[in-house]
Amino acid sequence: AKAGGTPLAVVRNGQLLGVVYLKDIVKGGIRERFAELRQMGIR
């Protein structure tokens, strides 16, 4: 969760096996577009 993902726990016959790391994939180039907006003076 701290890394920005979504944890999905897995259990088999009542025994905890671990967690699947689901990640929201940030769109490519979006960081650069926000940098442009910052240059435009937009928050």
ModelCIF file with pLDDT and N, C-alpha, C, O atoms, coordinates in Angstrom:
data_MODEL
#
_entry.id   MODEL 
#
_entity.id                         1 
_entity.type                       polymer 
_entity.pdbx_number_of_molecules   1 
#
_entity_poly.entity_id                      1 
_entity_poly.type                           'polypeptide(L)' 
_entity_poly.nstd_linkage                   no 
_entity_poly.nstd_monomer                   no 
_entity_poly.pdbx_seq_one_letter_code       AKAGGTPLAVVRNGQLLGVVYLKDIVKGGIRERFAELRQMGIR 
_entity_poly.pdbx_seq_one_letter_code_can   AKAGGTPLAVVRNGQLLGVVYLKDIVKGGIRERFAELRQMGIR 
_entity_poly.pdbx_strand_id                 A 
#
loop_
_entity_poly_seq.entity_id 
_entity_poly_seq.num 
_entity_poly_seq.mon_id 
_entity_poly_seq.hetero 
1 1  ALA n 
1 2  LYS n 
1 3  ALA n 
1 4  GLY n 
1 5  GLY n 
1 6  THR n 
1 7  PRO n 
1 8  LEU n 
1 9  ALA n 
1 10 VAL n 
1 11 VAL n 
1 12 ARG n 
1 13 ASN n 
1 14 GLY n 
1 15 GLN n 
1 16 LEU n 
1 17 LEU n 
1 18 GLY n 
1 19 VAL n 
1 20 VAL n 
1 21 TYR n 
1 22 LEU n 
1 23 LYS n 
1 24 ASP n 
1 25 ILE n 
1 26 VAL n 
1 27 LYS n 
1 28 GLY n 
1 29 GLY n 
1 30 ILE n 
1 31 ARG n 
1 32 GLU n 
1 33 ARG n 
1 34 PHE n 
1 35 ALA n 
1 36 GLU n 
1 37 LEU n 
1 38 ARG n 
1 39 GLN n 
1 40 MET n 
1 41 GLY n 
1 42 ILE n 
1 43 ARG n 
#
_struct_asym.id          A 
_struct_asym.entity_id   1 
#
loop_
_ma_qa_metric.id 
_ma_qa_metric.mode 
_ma_qa_metric.name 
_ma_qa_metric.software_group_id 
_ma_qa_metric.type 
1 global pLDDT . pLDDT 
2 local  pLDDT . pLDDT 
#
_ma_qa_metric_global.metric_id      1 
_ma_qa_metric_global.metric_value   85.88 
_ma_qa_metric_global.model_id       1 
_ma_qa_metric_global.ordinal_id     1 
#
loop_
_ma_qa_metric_local.label_asym_id 
_ma_qa_metric_local.label_comp_id 
_ma_qa_metric_local.label_seq_id 
_ma_qa_metric_local.metric_id 
_ma_qa_metric_local.metric_value 
_ma_qa_metric_local.model_id 
_ma_qa_metric_local.ordinal_id 
A ALA 1  2 83.00 1 1  
A LYS 2  2 82.00 1 2  
A ALA 3  2 80.00 1 3  
A GLY 4  2 75.00 1 4  
A GLY 5  2 82.00 1 5  
A THR 6  2 84.00 1 6  
A PRO 7  2 90.00 1 7  
A LEU 8  2 91.00 1 8  
A ALA 9  2 94.00 1 9  
A VAL 10 2 94.00 1 10 
A VAL 11 2 93.00 1 11 
A ARG 12 2 91.00 1 12 
A ASN 13 2 89.00 1 13 
A GLY 14 2 86.00 1 14 
A GLN 15 2 89.00 1 15 
A LEU 16 2 92.00 1 16 
A LEU 17 2 93.00 1 17 
A GLY 18 2 94.00 1 18 
A VAL 19 2 95.00 1 19 
A VAL 20 2 94.00 1 20 
A TYR 21 2 93.00 1 21 
A LEU 22 2 89.00 1 22 
A LYS 23 2 84.00 1 23 
A ASP 24 2 79.00 1 24 
A ILE 25 2 79.00 1 25 
A VAL 26 2 82.00 1 26 
A LYS 27 2 81.00 1 27 
A GLY 28 2 80.00 1 28 
A GLY 29 2 82.00 1 29 
A ILE 30 2 83.00 1 30 
A ARG 31 2 87.00 1 31 
A GLU 32 2 86.00 1 32 
A ARG 33 2 82.00 1 33 
A PHE 34 2 86.00 1 34 
A ALA 35 2 86.00 1 35 
A GLU 36 2 81.00 1 36 
A LEU 37 2 82.00 1 37 
A ARG 38 2 85.00 1 38 
A GLN 39 2 80.00 1 39 
A MET 40 2 77.00 1 40 
A GLY 41 2 82.00 1 41 
A ILE 42 2 86.00 1 42 
A ARG 43 2 90.00 1 43 
#
loop_
_atom_site.group_PDB 
_atom_site.id 
_atom_site.type_symbol 
_atom_site.label_atom_id 
_atom_site.label_alt_id 
_atom_site.label_comp_id 
_atom_site.label_asym_id 
_atom_site.label_entity_id 
_atom_site.label_seq_id 
_atom_site.pdbx_PDB_ins_code 
_atom_site.Cartn_x 
_atom_site.Cartn_y 
_atom_site.Cartn_z 
_atom_site.occupancy 
_atom_site.B_iso_or_equiv 
_atom_site.pdbx_formal_charge 
_atom_site.auth_seq_id 
_atom_site.auth_comp_id 
_atom_site.auth_asym_id 
_atom_site.auth_atom_id 
_atom_site.pdbx_PDB_model_num 
ATOM 1   N N  . ALA A 1 1  ? 0.829  -1.212  0.000   1.00 83.00 ? 1  ALA A N  1 
ATOM 2   C CA . ALA A 1 1  ? 0.000  0.000   0.000   1.00 83.00 ? 1  ALA A CA 1 
ATOM 3   C C  . ALA A 1 1  ? 0.857  1.252   0.000   1.00 83.00 ? 1  ALA A C  1 
ATOM 4   O O  . ALA A 1 1  ? 0.545  2.220   -0.694  1.00 83.00 ? 1  ALA A O  1 
ATOM 5   N N  . LYS A 1 2  ? 1.955  1.243   0.787   1.00 82.00 ? 2  LYS A N  1 
ATOM 6   C CA . LYS A 1 2  ? 2.843  2.411   0.830   1.00 82.00 ? 2  LYS A CA 1 
ATOM 7   C C  . LYS A 1 2  ? 3.528  2.644   -0.507  1.00 82.00 ? 2  LYS A C  1 
ATOM 8   O O  . LYS A 1 2  ? 3.889  3.772   -0.843  1.00 82.00 ? 2  LYS A O  1 
ATOM 9   N N  . ALA A 1 3  ? 3.702  1.573   -1.263  1.00 80.00 ? 3  ALA A N  1 
ATOM 10  C CA . ALA A 1 3  ? 4.329  1.693   -2.588  1.00 80.00 ? 3  ALA A CA 1 
ATOM 11  C C  . ALA A 1 3  ? 3.325  2.084   -3.659  1.00 80.00 ? 3  ALA A C  1 
ATOM 12  O O  . ALA A 1 3  ? 3.679  2.211   -4.832  1.00 80.00 ? 3  ALA A O  1 
ATOM 13  N N  . GLY A 1 4  ? 2.058  2.277   -3.254  1.00 75.00 ? 4  GLY A N  1 
ATOM 14  C CA . GLY A 1 4  ? 1.042  2.693   -4.213  1.00 75.00 ? 4  GLY A CA 1 
ATOM 15  C C  . GLY A 1 4  ? 0.279  1.564   -4.851  1.00 75.00 ? 4  GLY A C  1 
ATOM 16  O O  . GLY A 1 4  ? -0.492 1.789   -5.784  1.00 75.00 ? 4  GLY A O  1 
ATOM 17  N N  . GLY A 1 5  ? 0.480  0.322   -4.358  1.00 82.00 ? 5  GLY A N  1 
ATOM 18  C CA . GLY A 1 5  ? -0.210 -0.818  -4.939  1.00 82.00 ? 5  GLY A CA 1 
ATOM 19  C C  . GLY A 1 5  ? -1.418 -1.240  -4.126  1.00 82.00 ? 5  GLY A C  1 
ATOM 20  O O  . GLY A 1 5  ? -1.743 -0.647  -3.098  1.00 82.00 ? 5  GLY A O  1 
ATOM 21  N N  . THR A 1 6  ? -2.069 -2.276  -4.612  1.00 84.00 ? 6  THR A N  1 
ATOM 22  C CA . THR A 1 6  ? -3.225 -2.851  -3.922  1.00 84.00 ? 6  THR A CA 1 
ATOM 23  C C  . THR A 1 6  ? -2.890 -4.286  -3.542  1.00 84.00 ? 6  THR A C  1 
ATOM 24  O O  . THR A 1 6  ? -2.589 -5.097  -4.417  1.00 84.00 ? 6  THR A O  1 
ATOM 25  N N  . PRO A 1 7  ? -2.936 -4.616  -2.252  1.00 90.00 ? 7  PRO A N  1 
ATOM 26  C CA . PRO A 1 7  ? -2.625 -5.983  -1.834  1.00 90.00 ? 7  PRO A CA 1 
ATOM 27  C C  . PRO A 1 7  ? -3.839 -6.896  -1.950  1.00 90.00 ? 7  PRO A C  1 
ATOM 28  O O  . PRO A 1 7  ? -4.957 -6.494  -1.625  1.00 90.00 ? 7  PRO A O  1 
ATOM 29  N N  . LEU A 1 8  ? -3.620 -8.120  -2.412  1.00 91.00 ? 8  LEU A N  1 
ATOM 30  C CA . LEU A 1 8  ? -4.681 -9.112  -2.564  1.00 91.00 ? 8  LEU A CA 1 
ATOM 31  C C  . LEU A 1 8  ? -4.208 -10.387 -1.863  1.00 91.00 ? 8  LEU A C  1 
ATOM 32  O O  . LEU A 1 8  ? -3.315 -11.075 -2.358  1.00 91.00 ? 8  LEU A O  1 
ATOM 33  N N  . ALA A 1 9  ? -4.798 -10.694 -0.729  1.00 94.00 ? 9  ALA A N  1 
ATOM 34  C CA . ALA A 1 9  ? -4.358 -11.855 0.044   1.00 94.00 ? 9  ALA A CA 1 
ATOM 35  C C  . ALA A 1 9  ? -4.899 -13.148 -0.555  1.00 94.00 ? 9  ALA A C  1 
ATOM 36  O O  . ALA A 1 9  ? -5.980 -13.169 -1.143  1.00 94.00 ? 9  ALA A O  1 
ATOM 37  N N  . VAL A 1 10 ? -4.126 -14.238 -0.396  1.00 94.00 ? 10 VAL A N  1 
ATOM 38  C CA . VAL A 1 10 ? -4.519 -15.552 -0.920  1.00 94.00 ? 10 VAL A CA 1 
ATOM 39  C C  . VAL A 1 10 ? -4.476 -16.557 0.235   1.00 94.00 ? 10 VAL A C  1 
ATOM 40  O O  . VAL A 1 10 ? -3.510 -16.604 0.996   1.00 94.00 ? 10 VAL A O  1 
ATOM 41  N N  . VAL A 1 11 ? -5.547 -17.364 0.352   1.00 93.00 ? 11 VAL A N  1 
ATOM 42  C CA . VAL A 1 11 ? -5.628 -18.374 1.403   1.00 93.00 ? 11 VAL A CA 1 
ATOM 43  C C  . VAL A 1 11 ? -6.063 -19.698 0.786   1.00 93.00 ? 11 VAL A C  1 
ATOM 44  O O  . VAL A 1 11 ? -6.928 -19.728 -0.090  1.00 93.00 ? 11 VAL A O  1 
ATOM 45  N N  . ARG A 1 12 ? -5.450 -20.808 1.255   1.00 91.00 ? 12 ARG A N  1 
ATOM 46  C CA . ARG A 1 12 ? -5.833 -22.135 0.776   1.00 91.00 ? 12 ARG A CA 1 
ATOM 47  C C  . ARG A 1 12 ? -6.138 -23.013 1.982   1.00 91.00 ? 12 ARG A C  1 
ATOM 48  O O  . ARG A 1 12 ? -5.305 -23.213 2.866   1.00 91.00 ? 12 ARG A O  1 
ATOM 49  N N  . ASN A 1 13 ? -7.356 -23.525 1.984   1.00 89.00 ? 13 ASN A N  1 
ATOM 50  C CA . ASN A 1 13 ? -7.808 -24.372 3.096   1.00 89.00 ? 13 ASN A CA 1 
ATOM 51  C C  . ASN A 1 13 ? -7.546 -23.709 4.452   1.00 89.00 ? 13 ASN A C  1 
ATOM 52  O O  . ASN A 1 13 ? -7.096 -24.363 5.393   1.00 89.00 ? 13 ASN A O  1 
ATOM 53  N N  . GLY A 1 14 ? -7.826 -22.435 4.539   1.00 86.00 ? 14 GLY A N  1 
ATOM 54  C CA . GLY A 1 14 ? -7.714 -21.706 5.789   1.00 86.00 ? 14 GLY A CA 1 
ATOM 55  C C  . GLY A 1 14 ? -6.321 -21.270 6.154   1.00 86.00 ? 14 GLY A C  1 
ATOM 56  O O  . GLY A 1 14 ? -6.137 -20.650 7.202   1.00 86.00 ? 14 GLY A O  1 
ATOM 57  N N  . GLN A 1 15 ? -5.315 -21.568 5.327   1.00 89.00 ? 15 GLN A N  1 
ATOM 58  C CA . GLN A 1 15 ? -3.933 -21.205 5.612   1.00 89.00 ? 15 GLN A CA 1 
ATOM 59  C C  . GLN A 1 15 ? -3.471 -20.072 4.681   1.00 89.00 ? 15 GLN A C  1 
ATOM 60  O O  . GLN A 1 15 ? -3.601 -20.155 3.460   1.00 89.00 ? 15 GLN A O  1 
ATOM 61  N N  . LEU A 1 16 ? -2.937 -19.031 5.290   1.00 92.00 ? 16 LEU A N  1 
ATOM 62  C CA . LEU A 1 16 ? -2.483 -17.867 4.523   1.00 92.00 ? 16 LEU A CA 1 
ATOM 63  C C  . LEU A 1 16 ? -1.230 -18.215 3.723   1.00 92.00 ? 16 LEU A C  1 
ATOM 64  O O  . LEU A 1 16 ? -0.260 -18.743 4.267   1.00 92.00 ? 16 LEU A O  1 
ATOM 65  N N  . LEU A 1 17 ? -1.264 -17.911 2.415   1.00 93.00 ? 17 LEU A N  1 
ATOM 66  C CA . LEU A 1 17 ? -0.122 -18.207 1.541   1.00 93.00 ? 17 LEU A CA 1 
ATOM 67  C C  . LEU A 1 17 ? 0.722  -16.967 1.243   1.00 93.00 ? 17 LEU A C  1 
ATOM 68  O O  . LEU A 1 17 ? 1.940  -17.065 1.094   1.00 93.00 ? 17 LEU A O  1 
ATOM 69  N N  . GLY A 1 18 ? 0.080  -15.805 1.156   1.00 94.00 ? 18 GLY A N  1 
ATOM 70  C CA . GLY A 1 18 ? 0.823  -14.590 0.830   1.00 94.00 ? 18 GLY A CA 1 
ATOM 71  C C  . GLY A 1 18 ? -0.077 -13.555 0.177   1.00 94.00 ? 18 GLY A C  1 
ATOM 72  O O  . GLY A 1 18 ? -1.302 -13.597 0.289   1.00 94.00 ? 18 GLY A O  1 
ATOM 73  N N  . VAL A 1 19 ? 0.569  -12.635 -0.501  1.00 95.00 ? 19 VAL A N  1 
ATOM 74  C CA . VAL A 1 19 ? -0.148 -11.491 -1.069  1.00 95.00 ? 19 VAL A CA 1 
ATOM 75  C C  . VAL A 1 19 ? 0.254  -11.290 -2.528  1.00 95.00 ? 19 VAL A C  1 
ATOM 76  O O  . VAL A 1 19 ? 1.430  -11.387 -2.881  1.00 95.00 ? 19 VAL A O  1 
ATOM 77  N N  . VAL A 1 20 ? -0.731 -11.013 -3.359  1.00 94.00 ? 20 VAL A N  1 
ATOM 78  C CA . VAL A 1 20 ? -0.482 -10.628 -4.750  1.00 94.00 ? 20 VAL A CA 1 
ATOM 79  C C  . VAL A 1 20 ? -0.408 -9.097  -4.799  1.00 94.00 ? 20 VAL A C  1 
ATOM 80  O O  . VAL A 1 20 ? -1.286 -8.405  -4.284  1.00 94.00 ? 20 VAL A O  1 
ATOM 81  N N  . TYR A 1 21 ? 0.646  -8.588  -5.424  1.00 93.00 ? 21 TYR A N  1 
ATOM 82  C CA . TYR A 1 21 ? 0.861  -7.142  -5.553  1.00 93.00 ? 21 TYR A CA 1 
ATOM 83  C C  . TYR A 1 21 ? 0.179  -6.665  -6.840  1.00 93.00 ? 21 TYR A C  1 
ATOM 84  O O  . TYR A 1 21 ? 0.658  -6.931  -7.943  1.00 93.00 ? 21 TYR A O  1 
ATOM 85  N N  . LEU A 1 22 ? -0.945 -5.957  -6.684  1.00 89.00 ? 22 LEU A N  1 
ATOM 86  C CA . LEU A 1 22 ? -1.624 -5.341  -7.836  1.00 89.00 ? 22 LEU A CA 1 
ATOM 87  C C  . LEU A 1 22 ? -1.202 -3.879  -7.913  1.00 89.00 ? 22 LEU A C  1 
ATOM 88  O O  . LEU A 1 22 ? -1.283 -3.141  -6.931  1.00 89.00 ? 22 LEU A O  1 
ATOM 89  N N  . LYS A 1 23 ? -0.762 -3.487  -9.064  1.00 84.00 ? 23 LYS A N  1 
ATOM 90  C CA . LYS A 1 23 ? -0.255 -2.120  -9.205  1.00 84.00 ? 23 LYS A CA 1 
ATOM 91  C C  . LYS A 1 23 ? -1.081 -1.337  -10.207 1.00 84.00 ? 23 LYS A C  1 
ATOM 92  O O  . LYS A 1 23 ? -1.401 -1.817  -11.295 1.00 84.00 ? 23 LYS A O  1 
ATOM 93  N N  . ASP A 1 24 ? -1.425 -0.096  -9.804  1.00 79.00 ? 24 ASP A N  1 
ATOM 94  C CA . ASP A 1 24 ? -2.031 0.844   -10.748 1.00 79.00 ? 24 ASP A CA 1 
ATOM 95  C C  . ASP A 1 24 ? -0.921 1.347   -11.653 1.00 79.00 ? 24 ASP A C  1 
ATOM 96  O O  . ASP A 1 24 ? 0.023  1.984   -11.185 1.00 79.00 ? 24 ASP A O  1 
ATOM 97  N N  . ILE A 1 25 ? -1.026 1.070   -12.932 1.00 79.00 ? 25 ILE A N  1 
ATOM 98  C CA . ILE A 1 25 ? 0.027  1.460   -13.869 1.00 79.00 ? 25 ILE A CA 1 
ATOM 99  C C  . ILE A 1 25 ? -0.181 2.914   -14.278 1.00 79.00 ? 25 ILE A C  1 
ATOM 100 O O  . ILE A 1 25 ? -1.181 3.257   -14.910 1.00 79.00 ? 25 ILE A O  1 
ATOM 101 N N  . VAL A 1 26 ? 0.774  3.760   -13.910 1.00 82.00 ? 26 VAL A N  1 
ATOM 102 C CA . VAL A 1 26 ? 0.701  5.174   -14.287 1.00 82.00 ? 26 VAL A CA 1 
ATOM 103 C C  . VAL A 1 26 ? 0.951  5.296   -15.783 1.00 82.00 ? 26 VAL A C  1 
ATOM 104 O O  . VAL A 1 26 ? 1.868  4.670   -16.316 1.00 82.00 ? 26 VAL A O  1 
ATOM 105 N N  . LYS A 1 27 ? 0.146  6.094   -16.455 1.00 81.00 ? 27 LYS A N  1 
ATOM 106 C CA . LYS A 1 27 ? 0.250  6.231   -17.907 1.00 81.00 ? 27 LYS A CA 1 
ATOM 107 C C  . LYS A 1 27 ? 1.607  6.794   -18.307 1.00 81.00 ? 27 LYS A C  1 
ATOM 108 O O  . LYS A 1 27 ? 2.167  7.657   -17.631 1.00 81.00 ? 27 LYS A O  1 
ATOM 109 N N  . GLY A 1 28 ? 2.115  6.287   -19.414 1.00 80.00 ? 28 GLY A N  1 
ATOM 110 C CA . GLY A 1 28 ? 3.397  6.753   -19.924 1.00 80.00 ? 28 GLY A CA 1 
ATOM 111 C C  . GLY A 1 28 ? 3.340  8.218   -20.334 1.00 80.00 ? 28 GLY A C  1 
ATOM 112 O O  . GLY A 1 28 ? 2.406  8.647   -21.011 1.00 80.00 ? 28 GLY A O  1 
ATOM 113 N N  . GLY A 1 29 ? 4.343  8.980   -19.920 1.00 82.00 ? 29 GLY A N  1 
ATOM 114 C CA . GLY A 1 29 ? 4.430  10.391  -20.296 1.00 82.00 ? 29 GLY A CA 1 
ATOM 115 C C  . GLY A 1 29 ? 3.598  11.322  -19.450 1.00 82.00 ? 29 GLY A C  1 
ATOM 116 O O  . GLY A 1 29 ? 3.660  12.539  -19.629 1.00 82.00 ? 29 GLY A O  1 
ATOM 117 N N  . ILE A 1 30 ? 2.795  10.765  -18.502 1.00 83.00 ? 30 ILE A N  1 
ATOM 118 C CA . ILE A 1 30 ? 1.908  11.635  -17.728 1.00 83.00 ? 30 ILE A CA 1 
ATOM 119 C C  . ILE A 1 30 ? 2.707  12.542  -16.801 1.00 83.00 ? 30 ILE A C  1 
ATOM 120 O O  . ILE A 1 30 ? 2.301  13.675  -16.541 1.00 83.00 ? 30 ILE A O  1 
ATOM 121 N N  . ARG A 1 31 ? 3.851  12.051  -16.295 1.00 87.00 ? 31 ARG A N  1 
ATOM 122 C CA . ARG A 1 31 ? 4.677  12.877  -15.410 1.00 87.00 ? 31 ARG A CA 1 
ATOM 123 C C  . ARG A 1 31 ? 5.194  14.108  -16.148 1.00 87.00 ? 31 ARG A C  1 
ATOM 124 O O  . ARG A 1 31 ? 5.221  15.208  -15.596 1.00 87.00 ? 31 ARG A O  1 
ATOM 125 N N  . GLU A 1 32 ? 5.605  13.910  -17.407 1.00 86.00 ? 32 GLU A N  1 
ATOM 126 C CA . GLU A 1 32 ? 6.099  15.034  -18.203 1.00 86.00 ? 32 GLU A CA 1 
ATOM 127 C C  . GLU A 1 32 ? 4.982  16.041  -18.486 1.00 86.00 ? 32 GLU A C  1 
ATOM 128 O O  . GLU A 1 32 ? 5.217  17.249  -18.522 1.00 86.00 ? 32 GLU A O  1 
ATOM 129 N N  . ARG A 1 33 ? 3.771  15.530  -18.684 1.00 82.00 ? 33 ARG A N  1 
ATOM 130 C CA . ARG A 1 33 ? 2.647  16.435  -18.950 1.00 82.00 ? 33 ARG A CA 1 
ATOM 131 C C  . ARG A 1 33 ? 2.331  17.279  -17.723 1.00 82.00 ? 33 ARG A C  1 
ATOM 132 O O  . ARG A 1 33 ? 2.007  18.460  -17.842 1.00 82.00 ? 33 ARG A O  1 
ATOM 133 N N  . PHE A 1 34 ? 2.426  16.665  -16.536 1.00 86.00 ? 34 PHE A N  1 
ATOM 134 C CA . PHE A 1 34 ? 2.197  17.433  -15.317 1.00 86.00 ? 34 PHE A CA 1 
ATOM 135 C C  . PHE A 1 34 ? 3.309  18.453  -15.105 1.00 86.00 ? 34 PHE A C  1 
ATOM 136 O O  . PHE A 1 34 ? 3.065  19.529  -14.559 1.00 86.00 ? 34 PHE A O  1 
ATOM 137 N N  . ALA A 1 35 ? 4.518  18.126  -15.528 1.00 86.00 ? 35 ALA A N  1 
ATOM 138 C CA . ALA A 1 35 ? 5.617  19.090  -15.433 1.00 86.00 ? 35 ALA A CA 1 
ATOM 139 C C  . ALA A 1 35 ? 5.336  20.299  -16.323 1.00 86.00 ? 35 ALA A C  1 
ATOM 140 O O  . ALA A 1 35 ? 5.641  21.435  -15.958 1.00 86.00 ? 35 ALA A O  1 
ATOM 141 N N  . GLU A 1 36 ? 4.748  20.043  -17.501 1.00 81.00 ? 36 GLU A N  1 
ATOM 142 C CA . GLU A 1 36 ? 4.368  21.136  -18.397 1.00 81.00 ? 36 GLU A CA 1 
ATOM 143 C C  . GLU A 1 36 ? 3.310  22.027  -17.741 1.00 81.00 ? 36 GLU A C  1 
ATOM 144 O O  . GLU A 1 36 ? 3.384  23.255  -17.807 1.00 81.00 ? 36 GLU A O  1 
ATOM 145 N N  . LEU A 1 37 ? 2.327  21.384  -17.108 1.00 82.00 ? 37 LEU A N  1 
ATOM 146 C CA . LEU A 1 37 ? 1.285  22.153  -16.430 1.00 82.00 ? 37 LEU A CA 1 
ATOM 147 C C  . LEU A 1 37 ? 1.885  22.995  -15.311 1.00 82.00 ? 37 LEU A C  1 
ATOM 148 O O  . LEU A 1 37 ? 1.454  24.124  -15.076 1.00 82.00 ? 37 LEU A O  1 
ATOM 149 N N  . ARG A 1 38 ? 2.877  22.444  -14.624 1.00 85.00 ? 38 ARG A N  1 
ATOM 150 C CA . ARG A 1 38 ? 3.521  23.196  -13.548 1.00 85.00 ? 38 ARG A CA 1 
ATOM 151 C C  . ARG A 1 38 ? 4.221  24.425  -14.130 1.00 85.00 ? 38 ARG A C  1 
ATOM 152 O O  . ARG A 1 38 ? 4.218  25.494  -13.518 1.00 85.00 ? 38 ARG A O  1 
ATOM 153 N N  . GLN A 1 39 ? 4.823  24.268  -15.318 1.00 80.00 ? 39 GLN A N  1 
ATOM 154 C CA . GLN A 1 39 ? 5.463  25.403  -15.982 1.00 80.00 ? 39 GLN A CA 1 
ATOM 155 C C  . GLN A 1 39 ? 4.436  26.459  -16.373 1.00 80.00 ? 39 GLN A C  1 
ATOM 156 O O  . GLN A 1 39 ? 4.734  27.652  -16.408 1.00 80.00 ? 39 GLN A O  1 
ATOM 157 N N  . MET A 1 40 ? 3.220  25.999  -16.668 1.00 77.00 ? 40 MET A N  1 
ATOM 158 C CA . MET A 1 40 ? 2.137  26.914  -17.016 1.00 77.00 ? 40 MET A CA 1 
ATOM 159 C C  . MET A 1 40 ? 1.567  27.609  -15.779 1.00 77.00 ? 40 MET A C  1 
ATOM 160 O O  . MET A 1 40 ? 0.714  28.488  -15.897 1.00 77.00 ? 40 MET A O  1 
ATOM 161 N N  . GLY A 1 41 ? 2.036  27.215  -14.598 1.00 82.00 ? 41 GLY A N  1 
ATOM 162 C CA . GLY A 1 41 ? 1.532  27.814  -13.366 1.00 82.00 ? 41 GLY A CA 1 
ATOM 163 C C  . GLY A 1 41 ? 0.262  27.166  -12.860 1.00 82.00 ? 41 GLY A C  1 
ATOM 164 O O  . GLY A 1 41 ? -0.486 27.769  -12.090 1.00 82.00 ? 41 GLY A O  1 
ATOM 165 N N  . ILE A 1 42 ? 0.010  25.913  -13.300 1.00 86.00 ? 42 ILE A N  1 
ATOM 166 C CA . ILE A 1 42 ? -1.214 25.211  -12.909 1.00 86.00 ? 42 ILE A CA 1 
ATOM 167 C C  . ILE A 1 42 ? -0.889 24.147  -11.872 1.00 86.00 ? 42 ILE A C  1 
ATOM 168 O O  . ILE A 1 42 ? 0.024  23.342  -12.057 1.00 86.00 ? 42 ILE A O  1 
ATOM 169 N N  . ARG A 1 43 ? -1.645 24.152  -10.779 1.00 90.00 ? 43 ARG A N  1 
ATOM 170 C CA . ARG A 1 43 ? -1.480 23.159  -9.716  1.00 90.00 ? 43 ARG A CA 1 
ATOM 171 C C  . ARG A 1 43 ? -2.388 21.973  -10.018 1.00 90.00 ? 43 ARG A C  1 
ATOM 172 O O  . ARG A 1 43 ? -2.417 21.007  -9.255  1.00 90.00 ? 43 ARG A O  1 
#
